[in-house]
PDB file of N, CA and C in Angstrom:
ATOM      1  N   MET A   1       0.704  -1.361   0.107  1.00  0.00           N
ATOM      2  CA  MET A   1       0.036  -0.008  -0.141  1.00  0.00           C
ATOM      3  C   MET A   1       0.871   1.184  -0.099  1.00  0.00           C
ATOM      4  N   ALA A   2       2.081   1.046   0.589  1.00  0.00           N
ATOM      5  CA  ALA A   2       2.938   2.395   0.636  1.00  0.00           C
ATOM      6  C   ALA A   2       3.493   2.765  -0.831  1.00  0.00           C
ATOM      7  N   ASP A   3       3.341   2.004  -1.819  1.00  0.00           N
ATOM      8  CA  ASP A   3       3.884   2.215  -3.034  1.00  0.00           C
ATOM      9  C   ASP A   3       2.811   3.454  -3.644  1.00  0.00           C
ATOM     10  N   PRO A   4       3.555   4.197  -4.688  1.00  0.00           N
ATOM     11  CA  PRO A   4       2.462   5.236  -5.329  1.00  0.00           C
ATOM     12  C   PRO A   4       1.628   4.478  -6.163  1.00  0.00           C
ATOM     13  N   TYR A   5       0.189   5.096  -6.173  1.00  0.00           N
ATOM     14  CA  TYR A   5      -0.761   4.683  -6.876  1.00  0.00           C
ATOM     15  C   TYR A   5      -0.360   4.376  -8.506  1.00  0.00           C
ATOM     16  N   GLY A   6      -0.677   3.142  -8.994  1.00  0.00           N
ATOM     17  CA  GLY A   6      -0.025   2.721 -10.198  1.00  0.00           C
ATOM     18  C   GLY A   6       1.240   2.056 -10.209  1.00  0.00           C
ATOM     19  N   GLY A   7       1.938   2.004  -9.124  1.00  0.00           N
ATOM     20  CA  GLY A   7       3.120   1.277  -8.754  1.00  0.00           C
ATOM     21  C   GLY A   7       2.809   0.218  -7.737  1.00  0.00           C
ATOM     22  N   GLY A   8       1.959  -0.231  -7.650  1.00  0.00           N
ATOM     23  CA  GLY A   8       1.377  -1.063  -6.482  1.00  0.00           C
ATOM     24  C   GLY A   8       0.766  -0.468  -5.277  1.00  0.00           C
ATOM     25  N   GLY A   9       0.719   0.601  -5.167  1.00  0.00           N
ATOM     26  CA  GLY A   9       0.023   1.399  -3.966  1.00  0.00           C
ATOM     27  C   GLY A   9      -1.445   1.365  -4.252  1.00  0.00           C
ATOM     28  N   ILE A  10      -2.418   1.404  -3.312  1.00  0.00           N
ATOM     29  CA  ILE A  10      -3.794   1.489  -3.511  1.00  0.00           C
ATOM     30  C   ILE A  10      -4.357   2.641  -2.648  1.00  0.00           C
ATOM     31  N   TRP A  11      -5.529   3.223  -3.275  1.00  0.00           N
ATOM     32  CA  TRP A  11      -6.359   4.126  -2.479  1.00  0.00           C
ATOM     33  C   TRP A  11      -5.614   5.167  -1.719  1.00  0.00           C
ATOM     34  N   ASP A  12      -4.770   5.986  -2.319  1.00  0.00           N
ATOM     35  CA  ASP A  12      -3.951   7.192  -1.893  1.00  0.00           C
ATOM     36  C   ASP A  12      -3.215   6.596  -0.527  1.00  0.00           C
ATOM     37  N   ASN A  13      -2.711   5.343  -0.670  1.00  0.00           N
ATOM     38  CA  ASN A  13      -1.756   4.983   0.376  1.00  0.00           C
ATOM     39  C   ASN A  13      -2.612   5.088   1.807  1.00  0.00           C
ATOM     40  N   ALA A  14      -3.803   4.675   1.863  1.00  0.00           N
ATOM     41  CA  ALA A  14      -4.795   4.464   2.864  1.00  0.00           C
ATOM     42  C   ALA A  14      -5.460   3.091   2.860  1.00  0.00           C
ATOM     43  N   PHE A  15      -5.851   2.593   4.026  1.00  0.00           N
ATOM     44  CA  PHE A  15      -6.744   1.666   4.141  1.00  0.00           C
ATOM     45  C   PHE A  15      -8.009   2.009   5.085  1.00  0.00           C
ATOM     46  N   HIS A  16      -8.968   1.213   5.040  1.00  0.00           N
ATOM     47  CA  HIS A  16     -10.199   1.376   5.886  1.00  0.00           C
ATOM     48  C   HIS A  16     -10.714   0.184   6.460  1.00  0.00           C
ATOM     49  N   VAL A  17     -11.242   0.337   7.749  1.00  0.00           N
ATOM     50  CA  VAL A  17     -11.781  -0.979   8.457  1.00  0.00           C
ATOM     51  C   VAL A  17     -13.117  -0.600   8.370  1.00  0.00           C
ATOM     52  N   ILE A  18     -13.950  -1.530   7.686  1.00  0.00           N
ATOM     53  CA  ILE A  18     -15.476  -1.431   7.706  1.00  0.00           C
ATOM     54  C   ILE A  18     -16.041  -2.611   8.279  1.00  0.00           C
ATOM     55  N   TYR A  19     -17.018  -2.206   9.147  1.00  0.00           N
ATOM     56  CA  TYR A  19     -17.702  -3.341   9.794  1.00  0.00           C
ATOM     57  C   TYR A  19     -19.038  -3.603   9.060  1.00  0.00           C
ATOM     58  N   ALA A  20     -19.385  -4.736   8.680  1.00  0.00           N
ATOM     59  CA  ALA A  20     -20.607  -5.341   8.310  1.00  0.00           C
ATOM     60  C   ALA A  20     -21.930  -5.154   9.083  1.00  0.00           C
ATOM     61  N   LYS A  21     -22.988  -4.778   8.513  1.00  0.00           N
ATOM     62  CA  LYS A  21     -24.188  -4.715   9.415  1.00  0.00           C
ATOM     63  C   LYS A  21     -24.503  -5.919  10.025  1.00  0.00           C
ATOM     64  N   ALA A  22     -24.849  -5.965  11.282  1.00  0.00           N
ATOM     65  CA  ALA A  22     -25.190  -7.239  11.851  1.00  0.00           C
ATOM     66  C   ALA A  22     -26.421  -7.925  11.550  1.00  0.00           C
ATOM     67  N   ASP A  23     -27.419  -7.107  11.098  1.00  0.00           N
ATOM     68  CA  ASP A  23     -28.708  -7.891  10.784  1.00  0.00           C
ATOM     69  C   ASP A  23     -29.198  -6.980   9.585  1.00  0.00           C
ATOM     70  N   CYS A  24     -28.570  -7.604   8.523  1.00  0.00           N
ATOM     71  CA  CYS A  24     -29.060  -7.337   7.062  1.00  0.00           C
ATOM     72  C   CYS A  24     -29.871  -8.258   6.560  1.00  0.00           C
ATOM     73  N   ASN A  25     -31.141  -7.862   6.060  1.00  0.00           N
ATOM     74  CA  ASN A  25     -32.055  -8.660   5.589  1.00  0.00           C
ATOM     75  C   ASN A  25     -32.551  -8.021   4.272  1.00  0.00           C
ATOM     76  N   PRO A  26     -31.740  -8.159   3.202  1.00  0.00           N
ATOM     77  CA  PRO A  26     -32.298  -7.554   2.021  1.00  0.00           C
ATOM     78  C   PRO A  26     -33.586  -8.075   1.372  1.00  0.00           C
ATOM     79  N   LEU A  27     -34.428  -7.280   0.736  1.00  0.00           N
ATOM     80  CA  LEU A  27     -35.669  -7.427   0.303  1.00  0.00           C
ATOM     81  C   LEU A  27     -35.543  -7.969  -1.339  1.00  0.00           C
ATOM     82  N   LEU A  28     -34.461  -7.465  -2.008  1.00  0.00           N
ATOM     83  CA  LEU A  28     -34.194  -7.775  -3.361  1.00  0.00           C
ATOM     84  C   LEU A  28     -32.750  -8.065  -3.651  1.00  0.00           C
ATOM     85  N   THR A  29     -32.430  -9.177  -4.095  1.00  0.00           N
ATOM     86  CA  THR A  29     -30.968  -9.475  -4.372  1.00  0.00           C
ATOM     87  C   THR A  29     -30.741  -9.972  -5.894  1.00  0.00           C
ATOM     88  N   ALA A  30     -29.403 -10.069  -6.168  1.00  0.00           N
ATOM     89  CA  ALA A  30     -29.128 -10.406  -7.457  1.00  0.00           C
ATOM     90  C   ALA A  30     -27.960 -11.323  -7.394  1.00  0.00           C
ATOM     91  N   LYS A  31     -27.840 -12.312  -8.156  1.00  0.00           N
ATOM     92  CA  LYS A  31     -26.750 -13.257  -8.100  1.00  0.00           C
ATOM     93  C   LYS A  31     -26.218 -13.006  -9.633  1.00  0.00           C
ATOM     94  N   ILE A  32     -24.989 -12.700  -9.662  1.00  0.00           N
ATOM     95  CA  ILE A  32     -24.365 -12.397 -11.177  1.00  0.00           C
ATOM     96  C   ILE A  32     -23.190 -13.205 -11.362  1.00  0.00           C
ATOM     97  N   THR A  33     -23.166 -13.886 -12.470  1.00  0.00           N
ATOM     98  CA  THR A  33     -22.155 -14.639 -12.983  1.00  0.00           C
ATOM     99  C   THR A  33     -21.571 -13.715 -14.313  1.00  0.00           C
ATOM    100  N   LEU A  34     -20.377 -13.301 -14.014  1.00  0.00           N
ATOM    101  CA  LEU A  34     -19.820 -12.344 -15.226  1.00  0.00           C
ATOM    102  C   LEU A  34     -18.590 -13.034 -15.630  1.00  0.00           C
ATOM    103  N   MET A  35     -18.476 -13.007 -17.081  1.00  0.00           N
ATOM    104  CA  MET A  35     -17.357 -13.540 -17.840  1.00  0.00           C
ATOM    105  C   MET A  35     -16.701 -12.383 -18.584  1.00  0.00           C
ATOM    106  N   HIS A  36     -15.494 -12.039 -18.317  1.00  0.00           N
ATOM    107  CA  HIS A  36     -14.667 -11.013 -19.053  1.00  0.00           C
ATOM    108  C   HIS A  36     -13.275 -11.183 -19.028  1.00  0.00           C
ATOM    109  N   THR A  37     -12.587 -10.638 -19.972  1.00  0.00           N
ATOM    110  CA  THR A  37     -11.222 -10.770 -20.081  1.00  0.00           C
ATOM    111  C   THR A  37     -10.234  -9.447 -19.537  1.00  0.00           C
ATOM    112  N   CYS A  38     -10.991  -8.380 -19.313  1.00  0.00           N
ATOM    113  CA  CYS A  38     -10.604  -7.205 -18.842  1.00  0.00           C
ATOM    114  C   CYS A  38     -11.325  -6.344 -18.044  1.00  0.00           C
ATOM    115  N   ARG A  39     -10.950  -6.505 -16.567  1.00  0.00           N
ATOM    116  CA  ARG A  39     -11.962  -6.056 -15.523  1.00  0.00           C
ATOM    117  C   ARG A  39     -11.972  -4.599 -15.561  1.00  0.00           C
ATOM    118  N   GLU A  40     -11.042  -3.888 -16.251  1.00  0.00           N
ATOM    119  CA  GLU A  40     -10.882  -2.402 -16.087  1.00  0.00           C
ATOM    120  C   GLU A  40     -11.933  -1.639 -17.086  1.00  0.00           C
ATOM    121  N   GLN A  41     -12.520  -2.696 -17.961  1.00  0.00           N
ATOM    122  CA  GLN A  41     -13.498  -2.167 -18.698  1.00  0.00           C
ATOM    123  C   GLN A  41     -15.033  -2.469 -18.300  1.00  0.00           C
ATOM    124  N   ILE A  42     -15.174  -2.750 -16.808  1.00  0.00           N
ATOM    125  CA  ILE A  42     -16.571  -3.202 -16.472  1.00  0.00           C
ATOM    126  C   ILE A  42     -16.929  -1.910 -15.449  1.00  0.00           C
ATOM    127  N   ARG A  43     -18.438  -1.704 -15.724  1.00  0.00           N
ATOM    128  CA  ARG A  43     -19.170  -0.992 -14.687  1.00  0.00           C
ATOM    129  C   ARG A  43     -20.354  -1.734 -14.355  1.00  0.00           C
ATOM    130  N   VAL A  44     -20.621  -1.771 -13.335  1.00  0.00           N
ATOM    131  CA  VAL A  44     -21.854  -2.650 -12.783  1.00  0.00           C
ATOM    132  C   VAL A  44     -22.992  -1.639 -12.242  1.00  0.00           C
ATOM    133  N   ARG A  45     -24.126  -1.695 -12.936  1.00  0.00           N
ATOM    134  CA  ARG A  45     -25.095  -0.987 -12.460  1.00  0.00           C
ATOM    135  C   ARG A  45     -26.441  -1.582 -12.800  1.00  0.00           C
ATOM    136  N   MET A  46     -27.434  -1.395 -11.839  1.00  0.00           N
ATOM    137  CA  MET A  46     -28.894  -2.146 -11.951  1.00  0.00           C
ATOM    138  C   MET A  46     -30.019  -1.028 -12.107  1.00  0.00           C
ATOM    139  N   GLY A  47     -30.846  -1.344 -12.933  1.00  0.00           N
ATOM    140  CA  GLY A  47     -32.121  -0.381 -12.913  1.00  0.00           C
ATOM    141  C   GLY A  47     -33.206  -1.076 -13.198  1.00  0.00           C
ATOM    142  N   VAL A  48     -34.440  -0.261 -12.617  1.00  0.00           N
ATOM    143  CA  VAL A  48     -35.786  -0.687 -12.809  1.00  0.00           C
ATOM    144  C   VAL A  48     -36.580   0.304 -13.470  1.00  0.00           C
ATOM    145  N   THR A  49     -37.521  -0.088 -14.149  1.00  0.00           N
ATOM    146  CA  THR A  49     -38.680   0.824 -14.622  1.00  0.00           C
ATOM    147  C   THR A  49     -40.121   0.351 -14.499  1.00  0.00           C
ATOM    148  N   THR A  50     -41.040   0.984 -14.232  1.00  0.00           N
ATOM    149  CA  THR A  50     -42.430   0.448 -14.278  1.00  0.00           C
ATOM    150  C   THR A  50     -43.034   0.330 -15.634  1.00  0.00           C
ATOM    151  N   ASP A  51     -42.464   1.078 -16.581  1.00  0.00           N
ATOM    152  CA  ASP A  51     -43.155   1.042 -17.922  1.00  0.00           C
ATOM    153  C   ASP A  51     -42.385  -0.148 -18.883  1.00  0.00           C
ATOM    154  N   LEU A  52     -43.160  -1.082 -19.293  1.00  0.00           N
ATOM    155  CA  LEU A  52     -42.611  -2.445 -19.922  1.00  0.00           C
ATOM    156  C   LEU A  52     -42.077  -2.282 -21.100  1.00  0.00           C
ATOM    157  N   THR A  53     -42.491  -1.013 -21.708  1.00  0.00           N
ATOM    158  CA  THR A  53     -42.032  -0.712 -23.284  1.00  0.00           C
ATOM    159  C   THR A  53     -40.688   0.274 -23.223  1.00  0.00           C
ATOM    160  N   SER A  54     -40.426   0.676 -22.128  1.00  0.00           N
ATOM    161  CA  SER A  54     -39.216   1.529 -21.967  1.00  0.00           C
ATOM    162  C   SER A  54     -37.918   0.818 -22.209  1.00  0.00           C
ATOM    163  N   GLU A  55     -37.096   1.543 -22.983  1.00  0.00           N
ATOM    164  CA  GLU A  55     -35.704   1.052 -23.268  1.00  0.00           C
ATOM    165  C   GLU A  55     -34.790   1.488 -22.051  1.00  0.00           C
ATOM    166  N   ILE A  56     -35.130   2.338 -21.179  1.00  0.00           N
ATOM    167  CA  ILE A  56     -34.080   2.848 -20.165  1.00  0.00           C
ATOM    168  C   ILE A  56     -34.858   2.745 -18.931  1.00  0.00           C
ATOM    169  N   PRO A  57     -34.027   2.571 -17.795  1.00  0.00           N
ATOM    170  CA  PRO A  57     -34.671   2.253 -16.365  1.00  0.00           C
ATOM    171  C   PRO A  57     -35.163   3.739 -15.818  1.00  0.00           C
ATOM    172  N   ASP A  58     -35.996   3.772 -15.027  1.00  0.00           N
ATOM    173  CA  ASP A  58     -36.474   5.009 -14.077  1.00  0.00           C
ATOM    174  C   ASP A  58     -35.537   5.295 -13.179  1.00  0.00           C
ATOM    175  N   PHE A  59     -35.144   4.157 -12.613  1.00  0.00           N
ATOM    176  CA  PHE A  59     -34.046   4.264 -11.424  1.00  0.00           C
ATOM    177  C   PHE A  59     -32.914   3.387 -11.553  1.00  0.00           C
ATOM    178  N   VAL A  60     -31.677   3.852 -11.136  1.00  0.00           N
ATOM    179  CA  VAL A  60     -30.500   3.174 -11.436  1.00  0.00           C
ATOM    180  C   VAL A  60     -29.692   3.317 -10.043  1.00  0.00           C
ATOM    181  N   LEU A  61     -29.253   2.145  -9.685  1.00  0.00           N
ATOM    182  CA  LEU A  61     -28.388   1.726  -8.499  1.00  0.00           C
ATOM    183  C   LEU A  61     -27.042   1.349  -8.994  1.00  0.00           C
ATOM    184  N   GLY A  62     -26.244   2.197  -8.773  1.00  0.00           N
ATOM    185  CA  GLY A  62     -24.600   1.812  -8.974  1.00  0.00           C
ATOM    186  C   GLY A  62     -23.875   1.272  -7.948  1.00  0.00           C
ATOM    187  N   PHE A  63     -22.838   0.655  -8.404  1.00  0.00           N
ATOM    188  CA  PHE A  63     -21.917  -0.143  -7.526  1.00  0.00           C
ATOM    189  C   PHE A  63     -20.464   0.122  -7.859  1.00  0.00           C
ATOM    190  N   PRO A  64     -20.113   1.371  -7.335  1.00  0.00           N
ATOM    191  CA  PRO A  64     -18.831   1.940  -7.853  1.00  0.00           C
ATOM    192  C   PRO A  64     -17.468   1.137  -7.421  1.00  0.00           C
ATOM    193  N   ILE A  65     -17.541   0.105  -6.561  1.00  0.00           N
ATOM    194  CA  ILE A  65     -16.592  -0.639  -5.972  1.00  0.00           C
ATOM    195  C   ILE A  65     -16.143  -1.634  -7.249  1.00  0.00           C
ATOM    196  N   PHE A  66     -16.996  -1.938  -8.216  1.00  0.00           N
ATOM    197  CA  PHE A  66     -16.763  -2.741  -9.271  1.00  0.00           C
ATOM    198  C   PHE A  66     -16.098  -1.876 -10.573  1.00  0.00           C
ATOM    199  N   ASP A  67     -16.524  -0.583 -10.584  1.00  0.00           N
ATOM    200  CA  ASP A  67     -16.134   0.385 -11.738  1.00  0.00           C
ATOM    201  C   ASP A  67     -14.793   0.307 -12.090  1.00  0.00           C
ATOM    202  N   PHE A  68     -14.465  -0.178 -13.231  1.00  0.00           N
ATOM    203  CA  PHE A  68     -13.242   0.035 -14.002  1.00  0.00           C
ATOM    204  C   PHE A  68     -12.000  -0.255 -12.990  1.00  0.00           C
ATOM    205  N   GLN A  69     -12.097  -1.464 -12.412  1.00  0.00           N
ATOM    206  CA  GLN A  69     -11.012  -1.738 -11.366  1.00  0.00           C
ATOM    207  C   GLN A  69     -10.115  -2.807 -11.702  1.00  0.00           C
ATOM    208  N   GLY A  70      -8.769  -2.630 -11.344  1.00  0.00           N
ATOM    209  CA  GLY A  70      -7.785  -3.763 -11.471  1.00  0.00           C
ATOM    210  C   GLY A  70      -7.247  -4.079 -12.910  1.00  0.00           C
ATOM    211  N   SER A  71      -6.976  -2.939 -13.506  1.00  0.00           N
ATOM    212  CA  SER A  71      -6.322  -3.066 -14.783  1.00  0.00           C
ATOM    213  C   SER A  71      -6.782  -4.075 -15.657  1.00  0.00           C
ATOM    214  N   CYS A  72      -6.270  -4.271 -16.838  1.00  0.00           N
ATOM    215  CA  CYS A  72      -6.728  -5.142 -17.732  1.00  0.00           C
ATOM    216  C   CYS A  72      -6.360  -6.629 -17.524  1.00  0.00           C
ATOM    217  N   LYS A  73      -6.989  -7.431 -16.536  1.00  0.00           N
ATOM    218  CA  LYS A  73      -6.546  -8.643 -16.213  1.00  0.00           C
ATOM    219  C   LYS A  73      -8.145  -9.337 -16.137  1.00  0.00           C
ATOM    220  N   PHE A  74      -7.946 -10.714 -15.949  1.00  0.00           N
ATOM    221  CA  PHE A  74      -9.154 -11.534 -15.871  1.00  0.00           C
ATOM    222  C   PHE A  74      -9.708 -11.184 -14.693  1.00  0.00           C
ATOM    223  N   MET A  75     -10.951 -11.677 -14.620  1.00  0.00           N
ATOM    224  CA  MET A  75     -11.701 -11.211 -13.358  1.00  0.00           C
ATOM    225  C   MET A  75     -11.088 -11.767 -12.176  1.00  0.00           C
ATOM    226  N   LEU A  76     -10.478 -12.670 -12.060  1.00  0.00           N
ATOM    227  CA  LEU A  76      -9.933 -13.352 -10.948  1.00  0.00           C
ATOM    228  C   LEU A  76      -8.639 -13.040 -10.767  1.00  0.00           C
ATOM    229  N   GLY A  77      -8.010 -12.366 -11.768  1.00  0.00           N
ATOM    230  CA  GLY A  77      -6.675 -12.049 -11.772  1.00  0.00           C
ATOM    231  C   GLY A  77      -5.509 -13.057 -12.457  1.00  0.00           C
ATOM    232  N   GLY A  78      -6.045 -14.150 -12.643  1.00  0.00           N
ATOM    233  CA  GLY A  78      -5.016 -15.231 -13.157  1.00  0.00           C
ATOM    234  C   GLY A  78      -5.006 -15.392 -14.650  1.00  0.00           C
ATOM    235  N   THR A  79      -4.500 -16.326 -15.107  1.00  0.00           N
ATOM    236  CA  THR A  79      -4.469 -16.412 -16.462  1.00  0.00           C
ATOM    237  C   THR A  79      -5.249 -17.864 -17.151  1.00  0.00           C
ATOM    238  N   THR A  80      -5.867 -18.463 -16.226  1.00  0.00           N
ATOM    239  CA  THR A  80      -6.601 -19.636 -16.957  1.00  0.00           C
ATOM    240  C   THR A  80      -8.015 -19.218 -17.337  1.00  0.00           C
ATOM    241  N   GLU A  81      -8.651 -19.871 -18.227  1.00  0.00           N
ATOM    242  CA  GLU A  81      -9.914 -19.948 -18.712  1.00  0.00           C
ATOM    243  C   GLU A  81     -10.915 -19.762 -17.628  1.00  0.00           C
ATOM    244  N   GLU A  82     -10.718 -20.320 -16.351  1.00  0.00           N
ATOM    245  CA  GLU A  82     -11.625 -20.329 -15.198  1.00  0.00           C
ATOM    246  C   GLU A  82     -11.488 -18.929 -14.552  1.00  0.00           C
ATOM    247  N   ASP A  83     -10.476 -18.124 -14.626  1.00  0.00           N
ATOM    248  CA  ASP A  83     -10.168 -16.905 -14.246  1.00  0.00           C
ATOM    249  C   ASP A  83     -10.815 -15.785 -14.804  1.00  0.00           C
ATOM    250  N   LYS A  84     -11.459 -16.110 -15.963  1.00  0.00           N
ATOM    251  CA  LYS A  84     -12.339 -15.092 -16.575  1.00  0.00           C
ATOM    252  C   LYS A  84     -13.595 -14.758 -16.007  1.00  0.00           C
ATOM    253  N   THR A  85     -14.122 -15.681 -15.075  1.00  0.00           N
ATOM    254  CA  THR A  85     -15.458 -15.671 -14.716  1.00  0.00           C
ATOM    255  C   THR A  85     -15.452 -15.356 -13.030  1.00  0.00           C
ATOM    256  N   ILE A  86     -16.385 -14.398 -12.824  1.00  0.00           N
ATOM    257  CA  ILE A  86     -16.405 -14.042 -11.247  1.00  0.00           C
ATOM    258  C   ILE A  86     -17.992 -14.225 -11.093  1.00  0.00           C
ATOM    259  N   GLU A  87     -18.150 -14.737  -9.837  1.00  0.00           N
ATOM    260  CA  GLU A  87     -19.840 -14.606  -9.144  1.00  0.00           C
ATOM    261  C   GLU A  87     -19.892 -13.884  -8.149  1.00  0.00           C
ATOM    262  N   PHE A  88     -20.725 -13.035  -8.075  1.00  0.00           N
ATOM    263  CA  PHE A  88     -20.931 -12.335  -6.913  1.00  0.00           C
ATOM    264  C   PHE A  88     -22.505 -11.784  -6.627  1.00  0.00           C
ATOM    265  N   GLY A  89     -22.817 -11.429  -5.563  1.00  0.00           N
ATOM    266  CA  GLY A  89     -24.338 -10.946  -5.160  1.00  0.00           C
ATOM    267  C   GLY A  89     -24.378  -9.462  -4.824  1.00  0.00           C
ATOM    268  N   LEU A  90     -25.401  -9.045  -5.085  1.00  0.00           N
ATOM    269  CA  LEU A  90     -25.792  -7.441  -4.973  1.00  0.00           C
ATOM    270  C   LEU A  90     -27.125  -7.556  -4.229  1.00  0.00           C
ATOM    271  N   ASP A  91     -27.147  -6.374  -3.234  1.00  0.00           N
ATOM    272  CA  ASP A  91     -28.418  -6.079  -2.503  1.00  0.00           C
ATOM    273  C   ASP A  91     -28.832  -5.030  -3.099  1.00  0.00           C
ATOM    274  N   LEU A  92     -30.252  -5.329  -3.765  1.00  0.00           N
ATOM    275  CA  LEU A  92     -30.903  -4.410  -4.682  1.00  0.00           C
ATOM    276  C   LEU A  92     -32.148  -3.791  -3.632  1.00  0.00           C
ATOM    277  N   THR A  93     -32.182  -3.780  -2.612  1.00  0.00           N
ATOM    278  CA  THR A  93     -33.408  -3.410  -1.741  1.00  0.00           C
ATOM    279  C   THR A  93     -33.662  -1.963  -2.087  1.00  0.00           C
ATOM    280  N   PRO A  94     -32.762  -1.057  -2.311  1.00  0.00           N
ATOM    281  CA  PRO A  94     -33.063   0.246  -2.741  1.00  0.00           C
ATOM    282  C   PRO A  94     -34.142   0.349  -3.863  1.00  0.00           C
ATOM    283  N   LEU A  95     -33.881  -0.571  -4.789  1.00  0.00           N
ATOM    284  CA  LEU A  95     -34.740  -0.607  -5.993  1.00  0.00           C
ATOM    285  C   LEU A  95     -36.250  -1.110  -5.669  1.00  0.00           C
ATOM    286  N   SER A  96     -36.430  -1.713  -4.685  1.00  0.00           N
ATOM    287  CA  SER A  96     -37.529  -2.498  -4.398  1.00  0.00           C
ATOM    288  C   SER A  96     -38.609  -1.462  -3.565  1.00  0.00           C
ATOM    289  N   ILE A  97     -38.113  -0.363  -3.037  1.00  0.00           N
ATOM    290  CA  ILE A  97     -39.019   0.543  -2.401  1.00  0.00           C
ATOM    291  C   ILE A  97     -39.846   1.461  -3.355  1.00  0.00           C
TER     292      ILE A  97
END
């Protein structure tokens, strides 16, 4: 972490300790399996609309922790075919209200 950003350092040479909520009960979730060869090209957002004919969502929820991160490497960082795929879950509760 002490190296400069771009030279191995991260987040302006700082780290954060974050505690998870003890009682998290999501109302809406998504399980995503994503295959890509260059994770720095990915941005994750979810949206909903009440208009079934609409081509754009009325509400969008972004997940910036995934946005354009990790340089142009496979999703899991390795070099095998399996490293191209990542599976993760998202709490979409704000979209259900």
